[in-house]
Amino acid sequence: MINRQLSAEPPPVNAALAAGAASSPGVAALKPAAESVRRADGVRSADGVLGEGGVRGDGGVRGDSNGSGEAGGAVPGCFSAGEAWPEGAAPANPEGYGPLELLVIQPTPYCNLDCDYCYLPSRNDRHRLSMEILDAALERVLESPYLGGDFTLLWHAGEPLTLPISFYDEAGEHIRRAQERWAGPPLEIRQSVQTNAMVINDAWCDCFARNRIHVGVSLDGPAFLHDRHRRTRTGLGSHAATMRGIAALQRRGIHFQVISVLTEEALHHPEAMFHFFVDNGIRDVAFNMEETEGENLQSTLSRPNTEALYTLFLERFWQLWQERPEDMRVREFEGLCYLAGSDSRIERTDMNNPFAIVNVDARGNFSTFDPELLSVHTEEYGDFVLGHVQRDSLASIVATEKFQLIQRDLRAGIARCRAECEYFGVCGGGAGSNKYWEHGSFDCSETQACRYRIKLTSEVVLSGLESMLGLPAA
């Protein structure tokens, strides 16, 4: 799943709340709110608060879908990025799709690792994104009716840093020019990259700094866990190289977030994981589940009794986090605490909301919804390529038979989730990729992924809040 910071970033929520006076507004608000979240009623929109749309692993979008990437020029009937929308003439969006928050762009499908849980095939493809494709992708977003303001451009898929520093310097200049041509309201395009960090050194840190690129690092904890799954193409562990990259970031004072994929083996070691992060100065952590998806036909989390083991892992990690709250931010914990503290619910997520995410592969093919779906081929839906940035506007693909089929089944699945699941208010209907790979259709509800990411995690966090705030357990 994509790794993305919470779109509405919550303040740190931890044991310090419980230590405050009973009259503290934050603590007082959490008590009824925690009970309300436990009931999971009163659903209302708070897109992205929980981080369900957050990035899953560092594999990303593969770019060998069909489509030559040839053709060019502006799309007829669409405003170019250099034109302001005339008053009252903003492109129509009658369906209310978006707003676009994340543009995922694949700089190359190639990856220098061969992780055994990666869902992506053909990671040997060394194709490289052209600046013409980048320009067209930016144009399609900036002209679209789904643009609602600032957004993040995430370099993601394969291993982005297998391309040279010069690529990102050139891309940064193209992004700046697109912003300068934009004549609408003030707009910021934030850059982010998800990387295994193996090649990061001072030169890369200089690149991140001058291009203002936020860094996400894929690291599965201590070496004995990380190297079990994240190996080089020659079978060597990658942990030492990743830690050298992290040391360079720390030496230069560059903030980064770590994404750790939880496999069955990791669940036996909550204390080793926690203390590894703390001892190595890793302050911002998020967990992704190993998923049954794409090339990874069977997750180790499908083994017997693993859900109980996962619950024990999270309970112990929560306890350790509460003992040393100043040492670490944990996405899963803080996202749910924020929902409780704000008494909010999620109506939908950016993984099932059309054009909240737009995904562009290295050849210019684009899709929306889950980035993981862009380049896979299925019996039910064919591939999920909806257009090409040099030929098609975003709005033009809405009327296509393929988009309508995907959207119809996704909506039906969301309706099932809403009707059947008491956790809908902290989920919003889940991710289509999980539903497809586990059930063969988007028109379904519960998945193993949602049991781990939403249901079990919610129970651990809500039980922890109840204990912390002196509430009776449910």
Protein backbone atom coordinates (compact mmCIF):
# COMPACT_ATOMS: atom_id res chain seq x y z
CA MET A 1 0.00 0.00 0.00
CA ILE A 2 1.13 3.42 -0.72
CA ASN A 3 2.91 5.20 2.09
CA ARG A 4 1.46 8.61 2.56
CA GLN A 5 1.43 10.89 5.57
CA LEU A 6 -2.03 11.56 6.98
CA SER A 7 -3.68 14.16 4.80
CA ALA A 8 -4.89 15.93 7.92
CA GLU A 9 -1.81 15.50 10.05
CA PRO A 10 -2.79 14.97 13.69
CA PRO A 11 -0.78 16.26 16.60
CA PRO A 12 1.05 13.56 18.59
CA VAL A 13 -1.43 11.59 20.70
CA ASN A 14 0.02 9.44 23.43
CA ALA A 15 0.32 8.86 27.13
CA ALA A 16 0.84 12.56 27.72
CA LEU A 17 -2.92 12.96 27.25
CA ALA A 18 -3.68 10.67 30.12
CA ALA A 19 -1.20 12.51 32.32
CA GLY A 20 -3.07 15.82 31.87
CA ALA A 21 -5.64 17.26 34.23
CA ALA A 22 -9.13 15.80 34.06
CA SER A 23 -10.37 19.18 32.90
CA SER A 24 -7.98 19.22 29.94
CA PRO A 25 -10.06 19.73 26.77
CA GLY A 26 -8.07 17.08 24.91
CA VAL A 27 -8.65 14.41 27.54
CA ALA A 28 -12.27 15.36 28.12
CA ALA A 29 -12.98 15.19 24.40
CA LEU A 30 -11.39 11.80 24.05
CA LYS A 31 -13.66 10.11 26.60
CA PRO A 32 -17.01 10.37 24.80
CA ALA A 33 -15.28 10.25 21.44
CA ALA A 34 -13.55 6.96 22.23
CA GLU A 35 -16.90 5.47 23.24
CA SER A 36 -18.43 6.81 20.02
CA VAL A 37 -15.68 5.32 17.85
CA ARG A 38 -16.20 2.03 19.63
CA ARG A 39 -19.80 2.16 18.44
CA ALA A 40 -18.56 3.24 14.99
CA ASP A 41 -21.74 5.21 14.38
CA GLY A 42 -22.43 8.70 13.09
CA VAL A 43 -20.43 8.24 9.91
CA ARG A 44 -19.32 11.50 8.30
CA SER A 45 -16.59 12.39 5.86
CA ALA A 46 -13.04 12.81 7.11
CA ASP A 47 -11.10 11.58 4.11
CA GLY A 48 -7.59 10.40 4.72
CA VAL A 49 -7.60 10.98 8.49
CA LEU A 50 -6.91 7.37 9.28
CA GLY A 51 -4.29 7.02 6.58
CA GLU A 52 -6.02 4.09 4.86
CA GLY A 53 -4.74 5.60 1.67
CA GLY A 54 -1.27 5.45 2.92
CA VAL A 55 1.37 3.80 0.74
CA ARG A 56 1.86 0.04 0.91
CA GLY A 57 5.47 -0.99 0.63
CA ASP A 58 8.05 0.39 -1.76
CA GLY A 59 7.25 -1.64 -4.85
CA GLY A 60 4.88 0.80 -6.45
CA VAL A 61 3.40 1.08 -9.88
CA ARG A 62 4.83 -1.04 -12.63
CA GLY A 63 5.14 0.57 -16.02
CA ASP A 64 5.03 -2.13 -18.69
CA SER A 65 1.35 -1.81 -19.49
CA ASN A 66 0.37 -1.54 -23.11
CA GLY A 67 0.61 1.85 -24.72
CA SER A 68 3.53 3.15 -26.69
CA GLY A 69 3.60 6.57 -25.09
CA GLU A 70 3.72 8.22 -28.49
CA ALA A 71 1.55 11.18 -29.53
CA GLY A 72 1.46 14.59 -27.98
CA GLY A 73 -0.03 18.03 -27.91
CA ALA A 74 -2.79 19.48 -25.80
CA VAL A 75 -6.00 17.52 -25.43
CA PRO A 76 -8.73 19.26 -27.49
CA GLY A 77 -11.37 21.03 -25.42
CA CYS A 78 -9.29 21.17 -22.23
CA PHE A 79 -7.66 24.15 -20.58
CA SER A 80 -3.89 24.03 -20.62
CA ALA A 81 -1.84 24.54 -17.47
CA GLY A 82 -0.86 27.96 -18.78
CA GLU A 83 -4.42 29.26 -18.84
CA ALA A 84 -6.49 30.43 -15.91
CA TRP A 85 -10.06 29.20 -15.88
CA PRO A 86 -12.33 32.06 -16.97
CA GLU A 87 -14.75 33.17 -14.27
CA GLY A 88 -17.57 30.65 -14.00
CA ALA A 89 -15.92 28.35 -16.56
CA ALA A 90 -13.99 25.91 -14.36
CA PRO A 91 -14.16 22.41 -15.86
CA ALA A 92 -17.30 20.57 -14.80
CA ASN A 93 -17.19 17.86 -12.15
CA PRO A 94 -20.85 16.88 -11.70
CA GLU A 95 -19.98 13.62 -9.98
CA GLY A 96 -18.01 15.40 -7.25
CA TYR A 97 -14.91 13.25 -7.78
CA GLY A 98 -11.65 14.10 -6.02
CA PRO A 99 -10.24 16.44 -4.95
CA LEU A 100 -6.88 15.19 -6.18
CA GLU A 101 -4.43 14.89 -3.31
CA LEU A 102 -1.79 12.53 -4.66
CA LEU A 103 -0.13 12.18 -8.07
CA VAL A 104 1.89 8.95 -8.09
CA ILE A 105 4.52 8.94 -10.83
CA GLN A 106 6.77 6.01 -11.63
CA PRO A 107 10.23 7.19 -12.67
CA THR A 108 11.27 3.63 -13.58
CA PRO A 109 9.87 0.12 -13.05
CA TYR A 110 13.33 -1.20 -12.21
CA CYS A 111 14.22 -2.21 -8.66
CA ASN A 112 17.64 -3.17 -7.33
CA LEU A 113 16.07 -5.47 -4.74
CA ASP A 114 14.16 -8.73 -5.09
CA CYS A 115 11.87 -8.65 -2.05
CA ASP A 116 10.00 -11.93 -1.71
CA TYR A 117 6.70 -10.28 -0.73
CA CYS A 118 6.59 -7.76 -3.58
CA TYR A 119 3.45 -7.90 -5.70
CA LEU A 120 5.09 -6.50 -8.85
CA PRO A 121 6.18 -8.60 -11.82
CA SER A 122 8.87 -7.55 -14.34
CA ARG A 123 11.03 -5.57 -11.94
CA ASN A 124 13.88 -5.91 -14.44
CA ASP A 125 12.36 -3.29 -16.75
CA ARG A 126 14.78 -0.34 -16.92
CA HIS A 127 12.51 2.00 -18.86
CA ARG A 128 12.87 5.62 -17.75
CA LEU A 129 10.22 8.31 -17.53
CA SER A 130 10.77 11.08 -20.07
CA MET A 131 10.37 14.76 -19.26
CA GLU A 132 7.73 14.92 -22.01
CA ILE A 133 5.64 12.37 -20.11
CA LEU A 134 6.17 14.28 -16.85
CA ASP A 135 5.07 17.54 -18.50
CA ALA A 136 1.97 15.86 -19.92
CA ALA A 137 1.08 14.31 -16.55
CA LEU A 138 1.32 17.70 -14.85
CA GLU A 139 -0.73 19.28 -17.61
CA ARG A 140 -3.48 16.68 -17.27
CA VAL A 141 -3.71 17.30 -13.53
CA LEU A 142 -3.58 21.08 -13.70
CA GLU A 143 -6.27 21.30 -16.38
CA SER A 144 -8.59 18.81 -14.69
CA PRO A 145 -11.79 19.56 -12.78
CA TYR A 146 -10.52 17.37 -9.95
CA LEU A 147 -7.75 19.69 -8.81
CA GLY A 148 -8.75 21.21 -5.49
CA GLY A 149 -5.52 22.84 -4.35
CA ASP A 150 -2.06 21.74 -3.24
CA PHE A 151 -1.13 18.12 -3.88
CA THR A 152 1.77 15.72 -3.46
CA LEU A 153 3.75 14.23 -6.35
CA LEU A 154 5.05 10.89 -5.10
CA TRP A 155 7.98 9.26 -6.91
CA HIS A 156 7.09 5.66 -6.31
CA ALA A 157 7.47 2.23 -7.88
CA GLY A 158 10.45 0.00 -8.49
CA GLU A 159 13.33 1.87 -6.84
CA PRO A 160 13.21 5.57 -7.77
CA LEU A 161 16.83 6.20 -6.76
CA THR A 162 18.18 3.85 -9.41
CA LEU A 163 17.82 6.90 -11.65
CA PRO A 164 20.55 9.52 -11.29
CA ILE A 165 20.37 12.71 -9.25
CA SER A 166 20.30 14.69 -12.48
CA PHE A 167 16.87 13.18 -13.29
CA TYR A 168 15.31 14.65 -10.14
CA ASP A 169 17.01 18.01 -10.63
CA GLU A 170 15.61 18.19 -14.15
CA ALA A 171 12.20 16.96 -13.01
CA GLY A 172 12.19 19.54 -10.22
CA GLU A 173 12.74 22.30 -12.77
CA HIS A 174 9.86 21.01 -14.90
CA ILE A 175 7.60 20.94 -11.84
CA ARG A 176 8.57 24.51 -10.97
CA ARG A 177 7.84 25.65 -14.53
CA ALA A 178 4.41 24.00 -14.41
CA GLN A 179 3.64 25.87 -11.21
CA GLU A 180 4.81 29.15 -12.76
CA ARG A 181 2.55 28.60 -15.80
CA TRP A 182 -0.41 27.89 -13.55
CA ALA A 183 -2.59 30.99 -13.50
CA GLY A 184 -5.17 29.81 -11.00
CA PRO A 185 -5.14 30.25 -7.22
CA PRO A 186 -1.78 29.76 -5.44
CA LEU A 187 -0.73 26.14 -5.74
CA GLU A 188 2.05 24.04 -4.22
CA ILE A 189 3.19 20.73 -5.67
CA ARG A 190 4.99 18.89 -2.87
CA GLN A 191 7.45 16.15 -3.85
CA SER A 192 7.95 12.90 -1.98
CA VAL A 193 9.87 9.70 -2.70
CA GLN A 194 9.57 6.18 -1.33
CA THR A 195 12.94 4.42 -1.40
CA ASN A 196 14.94 1.55 0.02
CA ALA A 197 17.62 4.21 0.80
CA MET A 198 20.50 1.95 -0.22
CA VAL A 199 22.21 4.57 -2.38
CA ILE A 200 21.51 7.66 -0.26
CA ASN A 201 24.65 9.70 0.47
CA ASP A 202 25.48 13.37 0.87
CA ALA A 203 24.92 14.05 -2.82
CA TRP A 204 21.42 12.59 -2.63
CA CYS A 205 20.75 14.59 0.53
CA ASP A 206 21.74 17.74 -1.36
CA CYS A 207 19.25 16.76 -4.08
CA PHE A 208 16.44 16.22 -1.57
CA ALA A 209 17.17 19.55 0.06
CA ARG A 210 17.32 21.72 -3.07
CA ASN A 211 14.23 20.05 -4.57
CA ARG A 212 12.36 19.91 -1.24
CA ILE A 213 11.68 16.18 -1.58
CA HIS A 214 10.22 14.43 1.46
CA VAL A 215 11.73 10.98 2.00
CA GLY A 216 10.01 7.74 2.97
CA VAL A 217 12.27 4.76 3.68
CA SER A 218 11.32 1.08 3.49
CA LEU A 219 12.89 -0.71 6.46
CA ASP A 220 11.50 -3.83 8.11
CA GLY A 221 13.19 -3.39 11.49
CA PRO A 222 16.36 -5.09 12.69
CA ALA A 223 18.60 -6.96 10.25
CA PHE A 224 17.43 -10.46 11.19
CA LEU A 225 13.89 -9.51 10.09
CA HIS A 226 14.66 -7.08 7.27
CA ASP A 227 17.19 -9.30 5.48
CA ARG A 228 14.89 -12.29 5.58
CA HIS A 229 12.69 -10.72 2.91
CA ARG A 230 14.48 -7.67 1.46
CA ARG A 231 17.42 -9.10 -0.46
CA THR A 232 19.46 -7.96 -3.42
CA ARG A 233 19.28 -9.70 -6.77
CA THR A 234 22.34 -11.74 -5.77
CA GLY A 235 20.65 -12.88 -2.55
CA LEU A 236 22.48 -10.59 -0.14
CA GLY A 237 20.79 -8.73 2.68
CA SER A 238 20.11 -5.02 2.15
CA HIS A 239 19.85 -3.88 5.77
CA ALA A 240 23.36 -2.50 6.16
CA ALA A 241 23.06 -0.39 3.01
CA THR A 242 19.65 0.94 4.04
CA MET A 243 21.02 1.90 7.46
CA ARG A 244 23.90 3.75 5.81
CA GLY A 245 21.34 5.72 3.81
CA ILE A 246 19.37 6.50 6.96
CA ALA A 247 22.56 7.63 8.70
CA ALA A 248 23.19 10.08 5.86
CA LEU A 249 19.68 11.50 6.23
CA GLN A 250 20.13 11.84 9.97
CA ARG A 251 23.55 13.42 9.63
CA ARG A 252 22.06 16.08 7.36
CA GLY A 253 18.97 16.63 9.50
CA ILE A 254 16.54 15.48 6.78
CA HIS A 255 13.26 14.22 8.20
CA PHE A 256 12.08 10.83 6.96
CA GLN A 257 9.34 8.34 7.72
CA VAL A 258 9.94 4.59 7.87
CA ILE A 259 7.50 2.06 6.47
CA SER A 260 7.85 -1.46 7.85
CA VAL A 261 6.11 -4.41 6.25
CA LEU A 262 4.83 -6.76 8.93
CA THR A 263 5.24 -10.43 8.08
CA GLU A 264 4.37 -13.36 10.32
CA GLU A 265 7.98 -13.55 11.48
CA ALA A 266 7.99 -9.91 12.62
CA LEU A 267 4.95 -10.46 14.84
CA HIS A 268 7.06 -12.49 17.26
CA HIS A 269 9.33 -9.52 17.97
CA PRO A 270 7.48 -6.35 19.05
CA GLU A 271 10.13 -5.42 21.60
CA ALA A 272 13.02 -5.96 19.20
CA MET A 273 11.22 -3.82 16.60
CA PHE A 274 10.41 -1.01 19.03
CA HIS A 275 13.85 -0.81 20.57
CA PHE A 276 15.55 -1.03 17.17
CA PHE A 277 13.69 2.04 15.99
CA VAL A 278 14.28 3.99 19.20
CA ASP A 279 17.95 3.02 19.49
CA ASN A 280 18.58 4.11 15.91
CA GLY A 281 16.83 7.45 16.22
CA ILE A 282 13.95 6.48 13.92
CA ARG A 283 11.10 8.69 15.11
CA ASP A 284 8.35 8.28 12.53
CA VAL A 285 7.09 4.76 11.82
CA ALA A 286 4.20 3.23 9.88
CA PHE A 287 3.28 -0.42 9.46
CA ASN A 288 2.09 -2.03 6.25
CA MET A 289 0.73 -5.55 6.23
CA GLU A 290 2.21 -8.19 3.97
CA GLU A 291 -0.65 -8.68 1.55
CA THR A 292 -1.87 -11.38 -0.80
CA GLU A 293 -1.56 -9.31 -3.95
CA GLY A 294 -0.20 -9.64 -7.47
CA GLU A 295 2.93 -11.79 -7.57
CA ASN A 296 2.73 -12.42 -3.81
CA LEU A 297 0.13 -15.17 -4.02
CA GLN A 298 0.11 -16.07 -0.33
CA SER A 299 0.84 -13.74 2.56
CA THR A 300 2.55 -15.20 5.62
CA LEU A 301 -0.20 -13.44 7.59
CA SER A 302 -2.59 -16.12 6.28
CA ARG A 303 -0.96 -18.75 8.48
CA PRO A 304 -3.03 -20.23 11.34
CA ASN A 305 -3.38 -18.11 14.50
CA THR A 306 -1.59 -15.14 12.94
CA GLU A 307 -4.41 -12.69 13.67
CA ALA A 308 -4.10 -13.42 17.38
CA LEU A 309 -0.34 -13.01 17.08
CA TYR A 310 -0.80 -9.67 15.32
CA THR A 311 -3.07 -8.47 18.13
CA LEU A 312 -0.45 -9.39 20.72
CA PHE A 313 2.22 -7.60 18.67
CA LEU A 314 0.20 -4.38 18.50
CA GLU A 315 -0.79 -4.54 22.16
CA ARG A 316 2.84 -4.82 23.21
CA PHE A 317 3.94 -2.12 20.77
CA TRP A 318 1.21 0.17 22.15
CA GLN A 319 2.43 -0.47 25.70
CA LEU A 320 6.01 0.35 24.77
CA TRP A 321 4.87 3.45 22.88
CA GLN A 322 2.96 4.67 25.91
CA GLU A 323 6.03 4.23 28.10
CA ARG A 324 8.17 6.39 25.78
CA PRO A 325 5.73 8.54 23.81
CA GLU A 326 8.28 11.21 23.01
CA ASP A 327 10.49 8.72 21.16
CA MET A 328 8.30 7.79 18.23
CA ARG A 329 5.25 8.58 16.13
CA VAL A 330 3.26 5.53 14.98
CA ARG A 331 0.91 6.21 12.07
CA GLU A 332 -1.61 3.51 12.91
CA PHE A 333 -1.96 4.59 16.54
CA GLU A 334 -2.07 8.33 15.93
CA GLY A 335 -4.53 8.07 13.07
CA LEU A 336 -7.09 6.25 15.19
CA CYS A 337 -6.44 8.47 18.20
CA TYR A 338 -7.09 11.47 15.99
CA LEU A 339 -10.40 10.01 14.82
CA ALA A 340 -11.37 9.49 18.46
CA GLY A 341 -10.21 12.91 19.60
CA SER A 342 -12.01 14.72 16.78
CA ASP A 343 -15.08 12.43 16.89
CA SER A 344 -14.76 12.04 13.11
CA ARG A 345 -15.73 9.26 10.74
CA ILE A 346 -14.53 8.30 7.27
CA GLU A 347 -17.07 8.28 4.47
CA ARG A 348 -14.63 7.08 1.80
CA THR A 349 -10.91 6.81 1.28
CA ASP A 350 -8.65 8.11 -1.44
CA MET A 351 -8.19 4.49 -2.54
CA ASN A 352 -11.82 4.21 -3.65
CA ASN A 353 -12.61 7.86 -4.46
CA PRO A 354 -12.05 8.54 -8.18
CA PHE A 355 -9.23 11.00 -8.90
CA ALA A 356 -8.23 11.53 -5.27
CA ILE A 357 -5.17 9.63 -6.49
CA VAL A 358 -3.92 9.68 -10.07
CA ASN A 359 -1.24 7.16 -11.05
CA VAL A 360 1.08 7.51 -14.02
CA ASP A 361 3.54 4.82 -15.04
CA ALA A 362 6.91 5.39 -16.70
CA ARG A 363 5.37 5.10 -20.17
CA GLY A 364 2.58 7.59 -19.54
CA ASN A 365 -0.32 5.21 -18.93
CA PHE A 366 -2.57 6.46 -16.15
CA SER A 367 -5.24 5.20 -13.80
CA THR A 368 -6.97 6.25 -10.63
CA PHE A 369 -7.84 4.40 -7.40
CA ASP A 370 -5.11 2.07 -6.08
CA PRO A 371 -1.65 2.55 -7.63
CA GLU A 372 -1.20 -1.21 -7.26
CA LEU A 373 -3.84 -1.79 -9.93
CA LEU A 374 -2.26 0.25 -12.71
CA SER A 375 -0.30 -2.42 -14.52
CA VAL A 376 -1.85 -5.71 -13.51
CA HIS A 377 -4.01 -7.81 -15.83
CA THR A 378 -7.11 -9.62 -14.62
CA GLU A 379 -9.82 -11.86 -16.07
CA GLU A 380 -12.69 -9.74 -14.80
CA TYR A 381 -11.47 -6.26 -15.66
CA GLY A 382 -8.58 -6.71 -18.10
CA ASP A 383 -5.91 -4.16 -17.23
CA PHE A 384 -6.61 -0.99 -15.26
CA VAL A 385 -4.99 1.48 -17.66
CA LEU A 386 -7.65 4.12 -18.27
CA GLY A 387 -5.76 6.46 -20.59
CA HIS A 388 -2.46 7.98 -21.64
CA VAL A 389 -1.32 11.42 -20.50
CA GLN A 390 -0.34 12.47 -24.03
CA ARG A 391 -3.70 11.51 -25.50
CA ASP A 392 -6.41 11.65 -22.87
CA SER A 393 -7.62 14.14 -20.31
CA LEU A 394 -8.56 12.85 -16.86
CA ALA A 395 -12.18 13.86 -17.35
CA SER A 396 -12.41 12.10 -20.73
CA ILE A 397 -12.00 8.61 -19.29
CA VAL A 398 -15.01 8.89 -16.96
CA ALA A 399 -17.42 7.92 -19.74
CA THR A 400 -15.41 4.87 -20.82
CA GLU A 401 -16.85 1.40 -20.33
CA LYS A 402 -13.81 0.30 -18.31
CA PHE A 403 -14.02 3.17 -15.81
CA GLN A 404 -17.76 2.72 -15.41
CA LEU A 405 -17.36 -1.02 -14.73
CA ILE A 406 -14.65 -0.44 -12.13
CA GLN A 407 -16.57 2.40 -10.48
CA ARG A 408 -19.83 0.42 -10.44
CA ASP A 409 -18.25 -2.56 -8.69
CA LEU A 410 -16.26 -0.40 -6.28
CA ARG A 411 -19.43 1.45 -5.27
CA ALA A 412 -21.27 -1.83 -4.80
CA GLY A 413 -18.45 -3.11 -2.60
CA ILE A 414 -18.45 0.09 -0.54
CA ALA A 415 -22.22 -0.25 -0.08
CA ARG A 416 -21.69 -3.80 1.18
CA CYS A 417 -19.07 -2.58 3.63
CA ARG A 418 -21.35 0.19 4.88
CA ALA A 419 -24.27 -2.23 5.38
CA GLU A 420 -22.32 -5.13 6.88
CA CYS A 421 -19.39 -3.73 8.83
CA GLU A 422 -19.49 -1.87 12.13
CA TYR A 423 -16.00 -0.53 11.41
CA PHE A 424 -17.04 1.40 8.29
CA GLY A 425 -16.65 4.72 10.06
CA VAL A 426 -12.94 4.09 10.60
CA CYS A 427 -12.35 2.60 7.14
CA GLY A 428 -14.56 4.09 4.44
CA GLY A 429 -14.88 0.95 2.35
CA GLY A 430 -11.30 -0.18 1.96
CA ALA A 431 -9.01 -0.64 -1.03
CA GLY A 432 -10.11 -2.24 -4.27
CA SER A 433 -6.81 -4.01 -4.80
CA ASN A 434 -7.23 -6.02 -1.60
CA LYS A 435 -10.78 -6.93 -2.53
CA TYR A 436 -9.79 -8.05 -6.01
CA TRP A 437 -6.76 -10.12 -5.05
CA GLU A 438 -8.57 -11.85 -2.20
CA HIS A 439 -12.04 -12.27 -3.76
CA GLY A 440 -11.67 -11.70 -7.51
CA SER A 441 -14.02 -8.70 -7.53
CA PHE A 442 -14.43 -5.19 -6.14
CA ASP A 443 -18.05 -6.01 -5.29
CA CYS A 444 -17.36 -7.54 -1.89
CA SER A 445 -16.71 -6.45 1.66
CA GLU A 446 -14.36 -7.93 4.27
CA THR A 447 -10.78 -8.85 3.37
CA GLN A 448 -7.88 -10.20 5.36
CA ALA A 449 -6.17 -6.86 4.77
CA CYS A 450 -9.03 -4.95 6.40
CA ARG A 451 -9.17 -7.33 9.35
CA TYR A 452 -5.53 -6.55 10.07
CA ARG A 453 -5.30 -2.90 9.08
CA ILE A 454 -8.68 -1.74 10.38
CA LYS A 455 -10.50 -4.15 12.66
CA LEU A 456 -7.74 -5.63 14.80
CA THR A 457 -5.82 -2.37 14.92
CA SER A 458 -8.95 -0.45 15.95
CA GLU A 459 -9.65 -2.87 18.78
CA VAL A 460 -6.12 -2.57 20.14
CA VAL A 461 -6.10 1.24 19.96
CA LEU A 462 -9.60 1.68 21.39
CA SER A 463 -8.86 -0.74 24.22
CA GLY A 464 -5.66 1.18 24.90
CA LEU A 465 -7.55 4.48 24.97
CA GLU A 466 -10.19 3.07 27.28
CA SER A 467 -7.54 1.89 29.67
CA MET A 468 -5.58 5.13 29.42
CA LEU A 469 -8.68 7.27 30.05
CA GLY A 470 -10.29 5.09 32.70
CA LEU A 471 -13.24 4.04 30.54
CA PRO A 472 -14.96 0.68 31.05
CA ALA A 473 -13.85 -1.89 28.50
CA ALA A 474 -16.37 -2.74 25.81
